[in-house]
Amino acid sequence: MLKNKINIVSWFVLAITISSCENNLEVVKSFSKAENVPDMNGTNTEIIYSDSAKVKVRIVSTELEAYRHVKEPYLKFPKGLHVYFYNDSLKVNAEVSAKFAVYQENKKLWEADNDVVVVNKKGEKLNTEQLFWDENKQIIYSGKYCRITTPDSLQHSGEHGMEAKQDFSEWKLLGASGTVPIRVKNEQ
């Protein structure tokens, strides 16, 4: 009697399991599409851009995924990256870090997202949630809120983003506001 009850329960569980399975051909195909599967994966990667045997940019990441067999090839840095811009003397002019990034190869356009920080050789620091680097124009820009802090702790805000040279040596805020110290002379 107990054995029959166990068999009935087993068949009931098996019937529920089988009926809940679904063979959706579109779901199965989506797993095999080229844009969903990277052509190459890498860990602890380093990309170096050089000109006339001089290093100009070094990009370091803990994880890299390359998607080359798609209409618009791209690289994805799902765990973020750190970028170093060098001058001709191989000294770092600026650094960029972000927790996520994508590089569109055909457009030569980088998009950094999530806690983006840029620091230049003057010690000026930019904080934003999204930043683009256009290699062709050699500029960085954002349409999101930006905060720039100078070495003397002054803060400047760009409500509508910012634009700068790619080494962050010159910048302008869009929709700017900030703190400005006022010095008062004591007349005696």
C-alpha atoms as a PDB file:
ATOM      1  CA  MET A   1       0.000   0.000   0.000  1.00  0.00           C
ATOM      2  CA  LEU A   2       2.796   2.424   0.964  1.00  0.00           C
ATOM      3  CA  LYS A   3       4.708   1.443  -2.168  1.00  0.00           C
ATOM      4  CA  ASN A   4       1.675   2.310  -4.333  1.00  0.00           C
ATOM      5  CA  LYS A   5       1.353   5.744  -2.669  1.00  0.00           C
ATOM      6  CA  ILE A   6       5.049   6.459  -3.316  1.00  0.00           C
ATOM      7  CA  ASN A   7       4.653   5.421  -6.966  1.00  0.00           C
ATOM      8  CA  ILE A   8       1.576   7.646  -7.387  1.00  0.00           C
ATOM      9  CA  VAL A   9       3.369  10.642  -5.800  1.00  0.00           C
ATOM     10  CA  SER A  10       6.447   9.999  -7.977  1.00  0.00           C
ATOM     11  CA  TRP A  11       4.338   9.908 -11.152  1.00  0.00           C
ATOM     12  CA  PHE A  12       2.515  13.051 -10.081  1.00  0.00           C
ATOM     13  CA  VAL A  13       5.794  14.965  -9.495  1.00  0.00           C
ATOM     14  CA  LEU A  14       7.179  13.698 -12.817  1.00  0.00           C
ATOM     15  CA  ALA A  15       4.014  14.800 -14.666  1.00  0.00           C
ATOM     16  CA  ILE A  16       4.203  18.308 -13.179  1.00  0.00           C
ATOM     17  CA  THR A  17       7.902  18.584 -14.024  1.00  0.00           C
ATOM     18  CA  ILE A  18       7.402  17.488 -17.624  1.00  0.00           C
ATOM     19  CA  SER A  19       4.406  19.761 -18.168  1.00  0.00           C
ATOM     20  CA  SER A  20       6.306  22.789 -16.865  1.00  0.00           C
ATOM     21  CA  CYS A  21       9.142  22.358 -19.399  1.00  0.00           C
ATOM     22  CA  GLU A  22       8.938  24.622 -22.406  1.00  0.00           C
ATOM     23  CA  ASN A  23      10.700  24.349 -25.740  1.00  0.00           C
ATOM     24  CA  ASN A  24      10.534  27.893 -27.017  1.00  0.00           C
ATOM     25  CA  LEU A  25      12.634  27.891 -30.187  1.00  0.00           C
ATOM     26  CA  GLU A  26      13.220  31.665 -29.972  1.00  0.00           C
ATOM     27  CA  VAL A  27      14.664  31.341 -26.444  1.00  0.00           C
ATOM     28  CA  VAL A  28      16.952  28.526 -27.558  1.00  0.00           C
ATOM     29  CA  LYS A  29      18.100  30.516 -30.621  1.00  0.00           C
ATOM     30  CA  SER A  30      18.843  33.590 -28.495  1.00  0.00           C
ATOM     31  CA  PHE A  31      21.478  31.642 -26.574  1.00  0.00           C
ATOM     32  CA  SER A  32      23.322  30.810 -29.777  1.00  0.00           C
ATOM     33  CA  LYS A  33      23.248  34.267 -31.408  1.00  0.00           C
ATOM     34  CA  ALA A  34      26.698  35.732 -32.062  1.00  0.00           C
ATOM     35  CA  GLU A  35      25.938  38.998 -30.252  1.00  0.00           C
ATOM     36  CA  ASN A  36      25.202  37.095 -27.043  1.00  0.00           C
ATOM     37  CA  VAL A  37      28.408  35.060 -27.022  1.00  0.00           C
ATOM     38  CA  PRO A  38      31.847  36.711 -26.921  1.00  0.00           C
ATOM     39  CA  ASP A  39      34.430  35.588 -29.492  1.00  0.00           C
ATOM     40  CA  MET A  40      37.176  36.031 -26.942  1.00  0.00           C
ATOM     41  CA  ASN A  41      37.385  36.355 -23.164  1.00  0.00           C
ATOM     42  CA  GLY A  42      40.357  37.592 -21.216  1.00  0.00           C
ATOM     43  CA  THR A  43      41.262  38.144 -17.599  1.00  0.00           C
ATOM     44  CA  ASN A  44      43.816  40.623 -16.292  1.00  0.00           C
ATOM     45  CA  THR A  45      44.224  42.243 -19.714  1.00  0.00           C
ATOM     46  CA  GLU A  46      46.255  45.207 -20.859  1.00  0.00           C
ATOM     47  CA  ILE A  47      45.799  47.178 -24.097  1.00  0.00           C
ATOM     48  CA  ILE A  48      48.520  49.597 -25.184  1.00  0.00           C
ATOM     49  CA  TYR A  49      48.194  52.382 -27.769  1.00  0.00           C
ATOM     50  CA  SER A  50      51.480  53.709 -29.061  1.00  0.00           C
ATOM     51  CA  ASP A  51      52.673  56.211 -31.648  1.00  0.00           C
ATOM     52  CA  SER A  52      56.210  56.118 -33.066  1.00  0.00           C
ATOM     53  CA  ALA A  53      57.161  53.509 -30.458  1.00  0.00           C
ATOM     54  CA  LYS A  54      55.989  55.759 -27.610  1.00  0.00           C
ATOM     55  CA  VAL A  55      53.229  54.584 -25.299  1.00  0.00           C
ATOM     56  CA  LYS A  56      50.308  57.013 -25.385  1.00  0.00           C
ATOM     57  CA  VAL A  57      47.535  55.103 -23.606  1.00  0.00           C
ATOM     58  CA  ARG A  58      47.463  51.970 -21.441  1.00  0.00           C
ATOM     59  CA  ILE A  59      44.162  50.269 -20.544  1.00  0.00           C
ATOM     60  CA  VAL A  60      44.089  47.709 -17.738  1.00  0.00           C
ATOM     61  CA  SER A  61      41.100  45.518 -16.911  1.00  0.00           C
ATOM     62  CA  THR A  62      40.336  42.424 -14.876  1.00  0.00           C
ATOM     63  CA  GLU A  63      37.904  41.067 -17.458  1.00  0.00           C
ATOM     64  CA  LEU A  64      37.507  41.670 -21.196  1.00  0.00           C
ATOM     65  CA  GLU A  65      34.986  40.256 -23.663  1.00  0.00           C
ATOM     66  CA  ALA A  66      35.396  40.752 -27.432  1.00  0.00           C
ATOM     67  CA  TYR A  67      32.379  40.610 -29.749  1.00  0.00           C
ATOM     68  CA  ARG A  68      33.836  40.634 -33.277  1.00  0.00           C
ATOM     69  CA  HIS A  69      31.278  38.635 -35.302  1.00  0.00           C
ATOM     70  CA  VAL A  70      28.487  41.177 -35.002  1.00  0.00           C
ATOM     71  CA  LYS A  71      27.402  44.058 -37.226  1.00  0.00           C
ATOM     72  CA  GLU A  72      29.091  46.627 -34.939  1.00  0.00           C
ATOM     73  CA  PRO A  73      32.106  44.924 -33.255  1.00  0.00           C
ATOM     74  CA  TYR A  74      32.780  45.946 -29.669  1.00  0.00           C
ATOM     75  CA  LEU A  75      34.795  45.188 -26.557  1.00  0.00           C
ATOM     76  CA  LYS A  76      33.086  44.949 -23.194  1.00  0.00           C
ATOM     77  CA  PHE A  77      34.758  45.445 -19.820  1.00  0.00           C
ATOM     78  CA  PRO A  78      32.090  44.063 -17.446  1.00  0.00           C
ATOM     79  CA  LYS A  79      34.205  44.564 -14.322  1.00  0.00           C
ATOM     80  CA  GLY A  80      35.512  47.974 -15.320  1.00  0.00           C
ATOM     81  CA  LEU A  81      38.853  49.361 -16.388  1.00  0.00           C
ATOM     82  CA  HIS A  82      41.633  51.783 -15.569  1.00  0.00           C
ATOM     83  CA  VAL A  83      43.075  53.996 -18.339  1.00  0.00           C
ATOM     84  CA  TYR A  84      46.414  55.825 -18.206  1.00  0.00           C
ATOM     85  CA  PHE A  85      47.209  58.674 -20.652  1.00  0.00           C
ATOM     86  CA  TYR A  86      50.950  59.323 -21.098  1.00  0.00           C
ATOM     87  CA  ASN A  87      52.925  62.313 -22.345  1.00  0.00           C
ATOM     88  CA  ASP A  88      56.054  62.017 -24.532  1.00  0.00           C
ATOM     89  CA  SER A  89      58.236  61.523 -21.428  1.00  0.00           C
ATOM     90  CA  LEU A  90      56.090  58.509 -20.389  1.00  0.00           C
ATOM     91  CA  LYS A  91      54.679  60.389 -17.416  1.00  0.00           C
ATOM     92  CA  VAL A  92      50.997  59.936 -16.660  1.00  0.00           C
ATOM     93  CA  ASN A  93      48.976  63.002 -17.739  1.00  0.00           C
ATOM     94  CA  ALA A  94      45.589  61.641 -16.697  1.00  0.00           C
ATOM     95  CA  GLU A  95      43.851  58.534 -15.375  1.00  0.00           C
ATOM     96  CA  VAL A  96      40.308  57.295 -15.909  1.00  0.00           C
ATOM     97  CA  SER A  97      38.586  54.539 -13.951  1.00  0.00           C
ATOM     98  CA  ALA A  98      35.087  53.088 -14.208  1.00  0.00           C
ATOM     99  CA  LYS A  99      33.229  49.996 -13.023  1.00  0.00           C
ATOM    100  CA  PHE A 100      31.913  49.167 -16.530  1.00  0.00           C
ATOM    101  CA  ALA A 101      32.950  50.116 -20.073  1.00  0.00           C
ATOM    102  CA  VAL A 102      32.261  49.367 -23.738  1.00  0.00           C
ATOM    103  CA  TYR A 103      34.419  50.194 -26.758  1.00  0.00           C
ATOM    104  CA  GLN A 104      32.752  50.478 -30.183  1.00  0.00           C
ATOM    105  CA  GLU A 105      35.589  49.555 -32.542  1.00  0.00           C
ATOM    106  CA  ASN A 106      34.227  51.006 -35.805  1.00  0.00           C
ATOM    107  CA  LYS A 107      33.358  54.358 -34.227  1.00  0.00           C
ATOM    108  CA  LYS A 108      36.483  54.431 -32.016  1.00  0.00           C
ATOM    109  CA  LEU A 109      34.207  55.455 -29.176  1.00  0.00           C
ATOM    110  CA  TRP A 110      34.544  54.433 -25.523  1.00  0.00           C
ATOM    111  CA  GLU A 111      31.698  54.572 -23.018  1.00  0.00           C
ATOM    112  CA  ALA A 112      32.545  54.325 -19.319  1.00  0.00           C
ATOM    113  CA  ASP A 113      29.740  53.905 -16.799  1.00  0.00           C
ATOM    114  CA  ASN A 114      29.179  53.569 -13.083  1.00  0.00           C
ATOM    115  CA  ASP A 115      31.395  55.567 -10.727  1.00  0.00           C
ATOM    116  CA  VAL A 116      33.610  57.167 -13.384  1.00  0.00           C
ATOM    117  CA  VAL A 117      36.617  59.086 -12.021  1.00  0.00           C
ATOM    118  CA  VAL A 118      39.132  61.136 -14.024  1.00  0.00           C
ATOM    119  CA  VAL A 119      42.233  62.715 -12.466  1.00  0.00           C
ATOM    120  CA  ASN A 120      44.712  64.914 -14.344  1.00  0.00           C
ATOM    121  CA  LYS A 121      48.338  65.812 -13.593  1.00  0.00           C
ATOM    122  CA  LYS A 122      47.209  69.078 -11.940  1.00  0.00           C
ATOM    123  CA  GLY A 123      45.246  67.050  -9.388  1.00  0.00           C
ATOM    124  CA  GLU A 124      41.817  68.037 -10.709  1.00  0.00           C
ATOM    125  CA  LYS A 125      39.292  65.256 -10.208  1.00  0.00           C
ATOM    126  CA  LEU A 126      36.123  64.600 -12.207  1.00  0.00           C
ATOM    127  CA  ASN A 127      33.298  62.406 -10.862  1.00  0.00           C
ATOM    128  CA  THR A 128      30.348  61.337 -13.007  1.00  0.00           C
ATOM    129  CA  GLU A 129      28.223  58.288 -13.799  1.00  0.00           C
ATOM    130  CA  GLN A 130      28.869  58.229 -17.553  1.00  0.00           C
ATOM    131  CA  LEU A 131      31.749  59.413 -19.719  1.00  0.00           C
ATOM    132  CA  PHE A 132      32.557  59.064 -23.424  1.00  0.00           C
ATOM    133  CA  TRP A 133      36.009  59.155 -25.000  1.00  0.00           C
ATOM    134  CA  ASP A 134      36.055  59.887 -28.727  1.00  0.00           C
ATOM    135  CA  GLU A 135      39.451  58.719 -30.024  1.00  0.00           C
ATOM    136  CA  ASN A 136      39.008  60.474 -33.381  1.00  0.00           C
ATOM    137  CA  LYS A 137      38.303  63.891 -31.841  1.00  0.00           C
ATOM    138  CA  GLN A 138      40.612  63.229 -28.847  1.00  0.00           C
ATOM    139  CA  ILE A 139      38.013  64.476 -26.387  1.00  0.00           C
ATOM    140  CA  ILE A 140      36.122  63.160 -23.374  1.00  0.00           C
ATOM    141  CA  TYR A 141      32.576  64.292 -22.662  1.00  0.00           C
ATOM    142  CA  SER A 142      29.457  63.564 -20.649  1.00  0.00           C
ATOM    143  CA  GLY A 143      25.820  64.584 -20.792  1.00  0.00           C
ATOM    144  CA  LYS A 144      25.284  63.574 -17.160  1.00  0.00           C
ATOM    145  CA  TYR A 145      25.822  65.533 -13.958  1.00  0.00           C
ATOM    146  CA  CYS A 146      29.560  66.068 -13.317  1.00  0.00           C
ATOM    147  CA  ARG A 147      31.528  67.338 -10.335  1.00  0.00           C
ATOM    148  CA  ILE A 148      35.105  68.584 -10.635  1.00  0.00           C
ATOM    149  CA  THR A 149      37.152  69.091  -7.506  1.00  0.00           C
ATOM    150  CA  THR A 150      40.348  71.141  -7.722  1.00  0.00           C
ATOM    151  CA  PRO A 151      43.450  70.601  -5.547  1.00  0.00           C
ATOM    152  CA  ASP A 152      42.412  73.554  -3.344  1.00  0.00           C
ATOM    153  CA  SER A 153      39.125  71.667  -2.599  1.00  0.00           C
ATOM    154  CA  LEU A 154      36.899  73.919  -4.698  1.00  0.00           C
ATOM    155  CA  GLN A 155      34.004  72.067  -6.303  1.00  0.00           C
ATOM    156  CA  HIS A 156      32.468  72.872  -9.666  1.00  0.00           C
ATOM    157  CA  SER A 157      29.325  71.207 -10.990  1.00  0.00           C
ATOM    158  CA  GLY A 158      28.084  70.672 -14.513  1.00  0.00           C
ATOM    159  CA  GLU A 159      24.364  69.976 -14.352  1.00  0.00           C
ATOM    160  CA  HIS A 160      24.326  69.070 -18.057  1.00  0.00           C
ATOM    161  CA  GLY A 161      27.733  67.431 -18.340  1.00  0.00           C
ATOM    162  CA  MET A 162      31.168  68.505 -19.523  1.00  0.00           C
ATOM    163  CA  GLU A 163      33.701  68.447 -22.357  1.00  0.00           C
ATOM    164  CA  ALA A 164      37.476  68.184 -22.126  1.00  0.00           C
ATOM    165  CA  LYS A 165      40.638  67.270 -23.967  1.00  0.00           C
ATOM    166  CA  GLN A 166      41.247  63.530 -23.657  1.00  0.00           C
ATOM    167  CA  ASP A 167      44.032  64.114 -21.108  1.00  0.00           C
ATOM    168  CA  PHE A 168      41.645  66.305 -19.047  1.00  0.00           C
ATOM    169  CA  SER A 169      44.147  69.190 -19.218  1.00  0.00           C
ATOM    170  CA  GLU A 170      41.462  71.655 -20.349  1.00  0.00           C
ATOM    171  CA  TRP A 171      37.782  71.271 -19.519  1.00  0.00           C
ATOM    172  CA  LYS A 172      34.472  73.108 -19.523  1.00  0.00           C
ATOM    173  CA  LEU A 173      31.282  72.334 -17.642  1.00  0.00           C
ATOM    174  CA  LEU A 174      27.821  72.564 -19.193  1.00  0.00           C
ATOM    175  CA  GLY A 175      25.239  74.201 -16.933  1.00  0.00           C
ATOM    176  CA  ALA A 176      28.009  75.109 -14.497  1.00  0.00           C
ATOM    177  CA  SER A 177      27.865  76.088 -10.848  1.00  0.00           C
ATOM    178  CA  GLY A 178      30.446  75.999  -8.087  1.00  0.00           C
ATOM    179  CA  THR A 179      32.086  77.522  -5.063  1.00  0.00           C
ATOM    180  CA  VAL A 180      34.347  80.524  -5.419  1.00  0.00           C
ATOM    181  CA  PRO A 181      36.466  81.861  -2.568  1.00  0.00           C
ATOM    182  CA  ILE A 182      36.271  85.578  -1.950  1.00  0.00           C
ATOM    183  CA  ARG A 183      39.183  87.291  -0.299  1.00  0.00           C
ATOM    184  CA  VAL A 184      38.413  90.361   1.766  1.00  0.00           C
ATOM    185  CA  LYS A 185      41.163  92.818   2.501  1.00  0.00           C
ATOM    186  CA  ASN A 186      41.301  94.144   6.035  1.00  0.00           C
ATOM    187  CA  GLU A 187      41.585  97.908   5.884  1.00  0.00           C
ATOM    188  CA  GLN A 188      43.309  99.336   8.926  1.00  0.00           C
END
